[in-house]
Amino acid sequence: SRSENFVIDSSGTIYLSAILDWFGSDFGPSHKERFRLLNPYLPEQAQSFVMQPNVRVKYQDYNWSLNDQANKPVDQVPLTPVRTGSGSR
C-alpha cells in the first residue's frame, strides 16, 4: 500500500510495483486473482475499486537503488562471504 508501490491516478489507472509485472503469475493468473490476494494490504478506499472488471493497470519503474549495497552503512554489508561448509568430505 506504500505510494511507491501502489497509486491510483485521477483517471482511475492503477500503478503497481514492477515486481508484480515480473512475477505476476506468482500472485495469480489474472489481475482479478492478484488483487484478490493483495486486497487486504491495499488502502481501504482502494479495495473495492481494484475489483472492478475494467480496471486499468500499469506498472511503475523499479527503483534499482533499493539494491545498491554501496549506500548501506558498513555494519549492514557483509565483509566476507558466508560459508556453509568446506565443500569436501
Protein backbone atom coordinates (compact mmCIF):
# COMPACT_ATOMS: atom_id res chain seq x y z
CA SER A 1 0.00 0.00 0.00
CA ARG A 2 3.02 2.31 0.04
CA SER A 3 2.77 5.06 -2.56
CA GLU A 4 5.98 3.93 -4.24
CA ASN A 5 4.29 0.58 -4.95
CA PHE A 6 0.61 1.45 -5.42
CA VAL A 7 -1.01 4.57 -6.91
CA ILE A 8 -4.43 5.30 -8.39
CA ASP A 9 -4.37 8.39 -10.59
CA SER A 10 -7.29 10.73 -11.34
CA SER A 11 -8.22 8.76 -14.49
CA GLY A 12 -8.60 5.60 -12.43
CA THR A 13 -5.47 3.86 -13.68
CA ILE A 14 -3.73 1.77 -11.06
CA TYR A 15 0.07 1.84 -10.99
CA LEU A 16 1.69 -1.15 -9.31
CA SER A 17 5.22 -2.15 -8.43
CA ALA A 18 7.18 -3.64 -11.34
CA ILE A 19 7.65 -6.72 -9.14
CA LEU A 20 4.01 -7.59 -9.86
CA ASP A 21 4.70 -7.29 -13.58
CA TRP A 22 7.77 -9.51 -13.49
CA PHE A 23 6.39 -12.09 -11.07
CA GLY A 24 2.66 -11.56 -11.55
CA SER A 25 1.92 -15.23 -12.15
CA ASP A 26 3.24 -15.97 -8.65
CA PHE A 27 0.30 -13.92 -7.34
CA GLY A 28 -2.37 -15.34 -9.64
CA PRO A 29 -3.18 -15.92 -13.32
CA SER A 30 -5.17 -12.67 -13.80
CA HIS A 31 -5.34 -9.14 -12.40
CA LYS A 32 -8.56 -10.07 -10.62
CA GLU A 33 -6.91 -13.02 -8.85
CA ARG A 34 -3.83 -10.95 -7.97
CA PHE A 35 -5.96 -8.19 -6.46
CA ARG A 36 -7.97 -10.74 -4.50
CA LEU A 37 -4.71 -11.87 -2.88
CA LEU A 38 -3.36 -8.33 -2.39
CA ASN A 39 -6.65 -6.73 -1.31
CA PRO A 40 -6.04 -6.98 2.46
CA TYR A 41 -2.84 -4.96 2.03
CA LEU A 42 -4.35 -2.15 -0.06
CA PRO A 43 -5.67 1.13 1.33
CA GLU A 44 -9.29 0.67 2.40
CA GLN A 45 -10.68 3.09 -0.19
CA ALA A 46 -8.93 1.13 -2.99
CA GLN A 47 -10.10 -2.36 -2.03
CA SER A 48 -13.43 -2.27 -3.87
CA PHE A 49 -12.10 -0.14 -6.73
CA VAL A 50 -9.45 -2.69 -7.78
CA MET A 51 -12.05 -5.44 -8.10
CA GLN A 52 -13.98 -3.60 -10.83
CA PRO A 53 -13.92 -5.53 -14.14
CA ASN A 54 -12.49 -2.72 -16.32
CA VAL A 55 -9.73 -1.53 -14.04
CA ARG A 56 -6.64 -0.29 -15.93
CA VAL A 57 -3.27 -1.47 -14.61
CA LYS A 58 0.18 -0.07 -15.41
CA TYR A 59 3.48 -0.77 -13.74
CA GLN A 60 5.85 1.71 -12.16
CA ASP A 61 9.55 1.86 -12.97
CA TYR A 62 11.54 -0.18 -10.49
CA ASN A 63 13.87 1.74 -8.18
CA TRP A 64 17.10 -0.20 -8.61
CA SER A 65 18.85 1.96 -5.99
CA LEU A 66 16.99 -0.09 -3.36
CA ASN A 67 19.51 -2.87 -4.09
CA ASP A 68 22.59 -0.64 -4.02
CA GLN A 69 24.90 -2.05 -1.35
CA ALA A 70 27.35 0.86 -1.74
CA ASN A 71 25.00 3.21 0.11
CA LYS A 72 24.36 0.92 3.10
CA PRO A 73 26.13 1.52 6.41
CA VAL A 74 29.21 -0.67 6.80
CA ASP A 75 27.63 -2.68 9.63
CA GLN A 76 24.89 -3.86 7.22
CA VAL A 77 27.16 -5.03 4.40
CA PRO A 78 28.78 -8.45 4.80
CA LEU A 79 32.55 -8.14 4.54
CA THR A 80 33.20 -11.76 3.64
CA PRO A 81 31.05 -14.39 2.00
CA VAL A 82 29.19 -16.69 4.36
CA ARG A 83 30.42 -20.27 4.09
CA THR A 84 28.14 -23.13 4.92
CA GLY A 85 30.66 -25.95 4.66
CA SER A 86 34.08 -26.96 3.44
CA GLY A 87 32.81 -28.48 0.21
CA SER A 88 34.71 -31.72 0.79
CA ARG A 89 34.17 -34.81 2.91
